[in-house]
N, C-alpha and C. Protein backbone atom coordinates (compact mmCIF):
# COMPACT_ATOMS: atom_id res chain seq x y z
N MET A 1 -11.10 44.88 8.68
CA MET A 1 -11.15 44.05 8.80
C MET A 1 -11.05 43.09 7.39
N LEU A 2 -12.28 44.36 6.70
CA LEU A 2 -12.24 43.38 5.54
C LEU A 2 -11.38 43.82 4.52
N SER A 3 -10.55 44.94 4.83
CA SER A 3 -9.43 45.20 3.91
C SER A 3 -7.84 44.23 4.18
N ILE A 4 -8.29 44.25 5.42
CA ILE A 4 -7.06 42.86 5.60
C ILE A 4 -6.73 41.86 5.21
N ALA A 5 -8.36 41.59 5.22
CA ALA A 5 -8.66 39.77 4.60
C ALA A 5 -8.70 40.30 2.84
N ILE A 6 -8.47 40.83 2.44
CA ILE A 6 -8.64 41.48 1.25
C ILE A 6 -7.46 41.36 0.57
N LEU A 7 -6.33 41.85 1.41
CA LEU A 7 -4.73 42.27 1.23
C LEU A 7 -4.00 40.91 1.36
N SER A 8 -4.86 40.26 2.29
CA SER A 8 -3.83 39.07 2.52
C SER A 8 -4.47 37.85 1.62
N VAL A 9 -5.31 37.74 1.06
CA VAL A 9 -5.78 36.86 0.08
C VAL A 9 -5.04 36.86 -1.24
N SER A 10 -4.80 38.34 -1.60
CA SER A 10 -4.09 38.88 -2.88
C SER A 10 -2.40 38.51 -2.54
N PHE A 11 -2.22 38.09 -1.15
CA PHE A 11 -0.81 37.94 -1.75
C PHE A 11 -0.36 36.81 -1.97
N ASN A 12 -1.72 35.68 -1.55
CA ASN A 12 -1.18 34.56 -1.37
C ASN A 12 -1.67 34.25 -3.29
N SER A 13 -0.35 33.66 -3.53
CA SER A 13 -0.34 33.31 -5.03
C SER A 13 -0.69 31.25 -5.46
N VAL A 14 -1.34 31.31 -6.00
CA VAL A 14 -1.39 29.99 -6.76
C VAL A 14 -0.94 29.79 -7.83
N HIS A 15 0.41 28.55 -7.74
CA HIS A 15 0.82 28.40 -9.07
C HIS A 15 -0.09 27.15 -9.78
N ALA A 16 0.07 27.14 -10.80
CA ALA A 16 -0.78 26.12 -11.37
C ALA A 16 0.44 25.06 -12.81
N ALA A 17 0.40 24.17 -12.76
CA ALA A 17 1.17 23.17 -13.49
C ALA A 17 0.58 22.90 -14.49
N ARG A 18 1.42 22.38 -15.32
CA ARG A 18 0.63 21.49 -16.36
C ARG A 18 0.85 19.83 -15.73
N VAL A 19 -0.36 19.12 -15.70
CA VAL A 19 -0.16 17.99 -16.02
C VAL A 19 -0.34 16.92 -17.42
N SER A 20 1.12 16.26 -17.48
CA SER A 20 0.53 15.33 -18.73
C SER A 20 0.09 14.00 -18.16
N ASN A 21 -0.53 13.94 -19.49
CA ASN A 21 -1.51 12.51 -19.70
C ASN A 21 -0.61 11.29 -18.70
N GLU A 22 0.53 11.39 -19.56
CA GLU A 22 1.35 10.36 -19.06
C GLU A 22 1.14 10.06 -17.28
N GLN A 23 1.16 11.63 -16.66
CA GLN A 23 0.83 11.52 -15.27
C GLN A 23 -0.28 11.43 -14.63
N VAL A 24 -0.84 11.61 -15.14
CA VAL A 24 -2.64 10.96 -14.99
C VAL A 24 -2.61 9.66 -15.10
N ILE A 25 -2.19 9.32 -16.03
CA ILE A 25 -2.53 7.46 -16.32
C ILE A 25 -1.34 7.06 -15.43
N SER A 26 -0.24 7.03 -15.41
CA SER A 26 0.38 6.60 -14.19
C SER A 26 -0.26 6.52 -12.94
N GLN A 27 -0.44 7.88 -12.38
CA GLN A 27 -1.05 7.63 -10.74
C GLN A 27 -2.40 6.97 -10.90
N THR A 28 -3.51 6.99 -12.36
CA THR A 28 -4.56 5.74 -12.13
C THR A 28 -3.92 4.56 -12.18
N GLU A 29 -2.87 4.10 -12.54
CA GLU A 29 -2.43 2.95 -12.45
C GLU A 29 -1.67 2.34 -11.32
N GLN A 30 -1.03 3.03 -10.66
CA GLN A 30 -0.94 3.22 -9.36
C GLN A 30 -2.18 2.97 -8.19
N PHE A 31 -2.53 4.61 -8.28
CA PHE A 31 -4.11 3.47 -7.50
C PHE A 31 -5.12 2.44 -7.58
N ASN A 32 -4.94 2.11 -9.07
CA ASN A 32 -5.69 0.56 -9.67
C ASN A 32 -5.10 -0.41 -8.83
N ALA A 33 -3.61 -0.46 -8.78
CA ALA A 33 -2.97 -1.62 -8.28
C ALA A 33 -3.19 -1.80 -7.20
N ARG A 34 -3.06 -0.56 -6.03
CA ARG A 34 -3.13 -0.87 -4.86
C ARG A 34 -4.39 -1.16 -4.51
N THR A 35 -5.32 -0.73 -5.28
CA THR A 35 -6.58 -0.89 -5.07
C THR A 35 -7.02 -2.38 -4.99
N GLN A 36 -6.23 -2.74 -6.21
CA GLN A 36 -6.57 -4.40 -6.28
C GLN A 36 -6.36 -5.24 -5.33
N LEU A 37 -4.60 -5.01 -4.93
CA LEU A 37 -4.12 -5.89 -4.14
C LEU A 37 -4.85 -5.46 -2.80
N ILE A 38 -5.11 -4.46 -2.27
CA ILE A 38 -6.46 -4.37 -1.19
C ILE A 38 -7.18 -4.93 -1.27
N ASN A 39 -7.83 -5.17 -2.23
CA ASN A 39 -9.13 -5.64 -2.46
C ASN A 39 -8.95 -7.45 -2.40
N THR A 40 -8.06 -7.72 -3.00
CA THR A 40 -7.22 -9.21 -2.58
C THR A 40 -7.33 -9.77 -1.25
N ILE A 41 -6.72 -8.78 -0.39
CA ILE A 41 -6.42 -8.92 0.97
C ILE A 41 -7.61 -9.11 1.91
N ASN A 42 -8.95 -8.13 1.16
CA ASN A 42 -10.06 -7.99 2.18
C ASN A 42 -10.89 -8.83 1.58
N ARG A 43 -10.90 -10.32 0.81
CA ARG A 43 -11.74 -11.47 0.83
C ARG A 43 -11.36 -12.36 2.13
N ALA A 44 -12.54 -13.31 2.22
CA ALA A 44 -12.72 -13.74 3.42
C ALA A 44 -11.77 -14.40 3.23
N ASP A 45 -11.34 -15.26 2.51
CA ASP A 45 -10.58 -16.89 2.74
C ASP A 45 -9.04 -16.27 3.00
N VAL A 46 -8.78 -14.98 2.42
CA VAL A 46 -6.99 -14.21 2.68
C VAL A 46 -7.42 -13.88 4.02
N LYS A 47 -8.54 -12.76 4.57
CA LYS A 47 -8.40 -12.81 5.54
C LYS A 47 -8.46 -13.75 6.87
N GLN A 48 -8.97 -14.80 6.40
CA GLN A 48 -8.63 -16.50 7.16
C GLN A 48 -7.71 -16.74 7.44
N LYS A 49 -6.67 -16.93 6.16
CA LYS A 49 -5.37 -17.35 6.18
C LYS A 49 -4.13 -16.09 6.99
N LEU A 50 -4.77 -15.13 7.03
CA LEU A 50 -3.52 -14.04 7.69
C LEU A 50 -3.61 -14.27 8.65
N LEU A 51 -5.27 -14.62 9.36
CA LEU A 51 -5.21 -14.41 11.01
C LEU A 51 -4.36 -15.72 11.45
N ALA A 52 -4.57 -16.96 10.33
CA ALA A 52 -4.06 -18.03 11.28
C ALA A 52 -2.60 -17.73 10.98
N LEU A 53 -2.08 -17.30 10.68
CA LEU A 53 -0.53 -17.13 10.50
C LEU A 53 -0.23 -15.79 11.20
N GLY A 54 -1.13 -15.46 11.85
CA GLY A 54 -0.87 -14.25 12.97
C GLY A 54 -0.55 -13.00 12.62
N VAL A 55 -1.45 -12.56 11.39
CA VAL A 55 -1.44 -11.37 10.92
C VAL A 55 -2.53 -10.41 10.85
N GLU A 56 -2.65 -9.25 11.84
CA GLU A 56 -3.92 -8.64 11.09
C GLU A 56 -4.05 -7.97 10.35
N PRO A 57 -5.14 -8.22 9.14
CA PRO A 57 -5.48 -7.81 8.03
C PRO A 57 -5.52 -5.88 8.23
N GLU A 58 -6.03 -5.55 9.34
CA GLU A 58 -5.75 -3.87 9.04
C GLU A 58 -4.01 -3.24 9.14
N HIS A 59 -3.17 -4.47 9.56
CA HIS A 59 -1.74 -3.96 9.70
C HIS A 59 -1.13 -4.12 7.97
N VAL A 60 -1.67 -5.41 7.27
CA VAL A 60 -1.68 -5.78 5.88
C VAL A 60 -1.69 -4.65 5.09
N ALA A 61 -3.28 -4.22 5.54
CA ALA A 61 -3.77 -2.67 4.52
C ALA A 61 -2.88 -1.53 4.40
N ASN A 62 -2.42 -1.75 6.27
CA ASN A 62 -1.42 -0.18 6.27
C ASN A 62 -0.30 -0.41 5.94
N ARG A 63 -0.02 -1.39 5.62
CA ARG A 63 1.60 -1.90 5.20
C ARG A 63 1.36 -1.51 3.79
N ILE A 64 0.69 -2.18 2.70
CA ILE A 64 0.30 -1.61 1.49
C ILE A 64 0.09 -0.44 0.77
N ASN A 65 -0.40 0.42 1.59
CA ASN A 65 -0.45 1.79 1.67
C ASN A 65 0.77 2.56 1.87
N GLN A 66 1.87 1.83 2.50
CA GLN A 66 2.88 2.09 2.72
C GLN A 66 3.84 1.83 1.43
N MET A 67 3.68 1.05 0.68
CA MET A 67 4.42 0.28 -0.14
C MET A 67 4.72 1.17 -1.12
N THR A 68 5.77 1.26 -2.12
CA THR A 68 6.35 1.63 -3.04
C THR A 68 5.67 1.68 -4.60
N THR A 69 5.45 1.86 -5.33
CA THR A 69 4.67 1.29 -6.47
C THR A 69 5.46 0.56 -7.12
N ASN A 70 6.79 0.29 -6.83
CA ASN A 70 7.54 -0.66 -7.43
C ASN A 70 7.02 -2.15 -6.73
N GLU A 71 7.23 -2.50 -5.58
CA GLU A 71 6.87 -3.30 -4.31
C GLU A 71 5.03 -3.32 -4.96
N ILE A 72 3.89 -2.42 -5.18
CA ILE A 72 2.89 -3.12 -5.23
C ILE A 72 2.89 -3.81 -6.70
N ALA A 73 3.40 -3.42 -7.58
CA ALA A 73 3.46 -4.30 -9.03
C ALA A 73 4.20 -5.23 -8.89
N GLN A 74 5.23 -6.03 -7.75
CA GLN A 74 5.57 -6.99 -8.00
C GLN A 74 4.75 -7.55 -7.29
N LEU A 75 4.04 -7.27 -6.74
CA LEU A 75 3.23 -8.21 -5.79
C LEU A 75 2.08 -8.51 -6.31
N ASN A 76 1.61 -7.78 -7.08
CA ASN A 76 -0.05 -7.91 -7.90
C ASN A 76 0.94 -8.60 -9.20
N GLN A 77 2.14 -8.48 -9.44
CA GLN A 77 2.23 -9.81 -10.76
C GLN A 77 2.49 -11.12 -10.29
N GLN A 78 2.85 -11.09 -8.69
CA GLN A 78 3.06 -12.47 -8.65
C GLN A 78 1.72 -12.79 -8.10
N ILE A 79 0.99 -12.33 -8.23
CA ILE A 79 -0.61 -13.18 -7.43
C ILE A 79 -1.25 -13.02 -9.02
N GLU A 80 -0.76 -12.47 -10.20
CA GLU A 80 -1.34 -12.85 -11.56
C GLU A 80 -0.89 -13.84 -12.28
N THR A 81 0.51 -14.48 -11.35
CA THR A 81 0.78 -15.48 -11.83
C THR A 81 0.60 -16.65 -11.49
N LEU A 82 -0.20 -16.95 -10.38
CA LEU A 82 -0.61 -18.01 -9.78
C LEU A 82 -1.63 -18.58 -10.18
N PRO A 83 -2.05 -19.83 -10.41
CA PRO A 83 -3.07 -20.50 -11.08
C PRO A 83 -4.45 -19.59 -10.90
N ALA A 84 -5.48 -19.82 -11.25
CA ALA A 84 -6.48 -18.79 -10.71
C ALA A 84 -7.39 -20.39 -10.07
N GLY A 85 -7.65 -19.66 -9.03
CA GLY A 85 -8.08 -19.88 -7.67
C GLY A 85 -7.27 -21.01 -7.04
N GLY A 86 -6.01 -20.96 -7.13
CA GLY A 86 -5.40 -21.68 -6.84
C GLY A 86 -4.39 -21.33 -5.60
N ASP A 87 -3.29 -21.30 -6.15
CA ASP A 87 -1.88 -20.81 -4.66
C ASP A 87 -2.56 -20.33 -3.67
N LEU A 88 -3.80 -19.67 -3.06
CA LEU A 88 -3.19 -18.52 -1.90
C LEU A 88 -2.17 -18.54 -0.72
N LEU A 89 -1.89 -19.68 -0.54
CA LEU A 89 -0.90 -19.71 0.23
C LEU A 89 0.18 -19.33 0.13
N GLY A 90 0.67 -19.14 -1.06
CA GLY A 90 1.85 -18.69 -1.33
C GLY A 90 1.95 -16.88 -1.74
N VAL A 91 0.66 -16.50 -1.93
CA VAL A 91 0.22 -15.37 -1.70
C VAL A 91 0.73 -14.61 -0.50
N LEU A 92 0.20 -15.53 0.50
CA LEU A 92 0.29 -14.79 1.96
C LEU A 92 1.64 -14.86 2.62
N LEU A 93 1.71 -16.26 2.06
CA LEU A 93 3.72 -16.35 2.32
C LEU A 93 4.44 -15.10 1.55
N VAL A 94 4.40 -14.65 0.50
CA VAL A 94 5.03 -13.13 0.18
C VAL A 94 4.74 -12.23 0.86
N ILE A 95 3.30 -12.44 1.38
CA ILE A 95 3.19 -10.86 1.82
C ILE A 95 3.69 -11.21 3.79
N PHE A 96 3.67 -12.31 3.70
CA PHE A 96 3.89 -12.38 5.06
C PHE A 96 5.40 -12.32 5.56
N ILE A 97 6.82 -12.82 4.38
CA ILE A 97 7.82 -12.33 3.91
C ILE A 97 7.99 -11.02 4.03
N VAL A 98 7.09 -10.12 3.05
CA VAL A 98 7.29 -8.31 3.11
C VAL A 98 7.34 -8.03 4.62
N PHE A 99 6.24 -8.55 5.72
CA PHE A 99 6.29 -8.17 6.92
C PHE A 99 7.38 -7.98 7.60
N VAL A 100 7.77 -9.48 7.78
CA VAL A 100 9.05 -10.00 8.60
C VAL A 100 10.39 -8.78 8.30
N ILE A 101 10.80 -9.06 6.92
CA ILE A 101 11.32 -7.94 6.33
C ILE A 101 11.60 -6.82 6.57
N THR A 102 10.09 -5.91 7.03
CA THR A 102 9.90 -4.73 7.23
C THR A 102 10.22 -4.80 8.64
N ASP A 103 9.45 -5.87 9.25
CA ASP A 103 9.77 -5.71 10.81
C ASP A 103 11.31 -5.91 10.95
N VAL A 104 12.02 -6.38 10.59
CA VAL A 104 13.41 -6.35 10.90
C VAL A 104 14.12 -5.18 10.55
N ILE A 105 13.95 -4.63 9.70
CA ILE A 105 14.95 -3.34 9.08
C ILE A 105 14.10 -1.98 9.77
N GLY A 106 12.74 -2.28 10.90
CA GLY A 106 12.20 -1.11 11.90
C GLY A 106 11.69 -0.58 10.87
N ALA A 107 10.82 -0.98 9.77
CA ALA A 107 9.92 -0.24 9.47
C ALA A 107 8.57 -0.37 9.42
N THR A 108 8.05 -1.50 10.37
CA THR A 108 6.88 -1.68 10.74
C THR A 108 7.38 -2.42 12.40
N ASP A 109 6.31 -2.41 12.78
CA ASP A 109 6.20 -3.33 14.46
C ASP A 109 5.23 -3.73 14.42
N ILE A 110 4.91 -5.31 13.68
CA ILE A 110 3.71 -5.89 13.71
C ILE A 110 3.74 -6.81 14.25
N PHE A 111 5.32 -8.18 14.37
CA PHE A 111 5.75 -8.98 15.02
C PHE A 111 5.97 -8.70 16.45
N PRO A 112 5.49 -9.32 17.53
CA PRO A 112 6.27 -8.60 18.71
C PRO A 112 7.71 -9.73 18.50
N PHE A 113 7.47 -10.72 18.57
CA PHE A 113 8.61 -11.86 18.60
C PHE A 113 9.85 -11.36 17.56
N ILE A 114 9.75 -10.49 16.79
CA ILE A 114 10.94 -10.23 15.87
C ILE A 114 11.28 -8.90 16.16
N LYS A 115 12.70 -8.54 16.55
CA LYS A 115 13.21 -7.48 16.62
C LYS A 115 14.16 -6.93 16.37
N SER A 116 14.13 -5.75 15.67
CA SER A 116 14.88 -4.78 14.84
C SER A 116 15.93 -4.51 14.59
N ILE A 117 16.47 -4.74 13.62
CA ILE A 117 18.13 -4.07 13.88
C ILE A 117 18.74 -2.88 14.01
N ASN A 118 17.54 -1.78 13.76
CA ASN A 118 17.99 -0.85 14.85
C ASN A 118 18.53 -0.64 16.14
């Protein structure tokens, strides 16, 4: 048994690849952008507004985890351009519109009153 285990381990090879600094920085920036957006959604005032719009914060967090890097960057940029302590409703409307669009194309199923085009 031991010799079979040793032989099977020797046949499984591991391939290492170089990882450039740009790749590490890019992955870190993507993670930070996604985390920043999720932290915004987890604020009490944002959760309250989302619930008022009929959106569960958990659905928002799941959708954020499915968003592409470009979508995350665009949403974070829109949040950063808002006045300080200002238009939270604008952010929520952007998120709401993203959810409506993803429901229409069938990527999510958050709102039962929206029928998918698929």
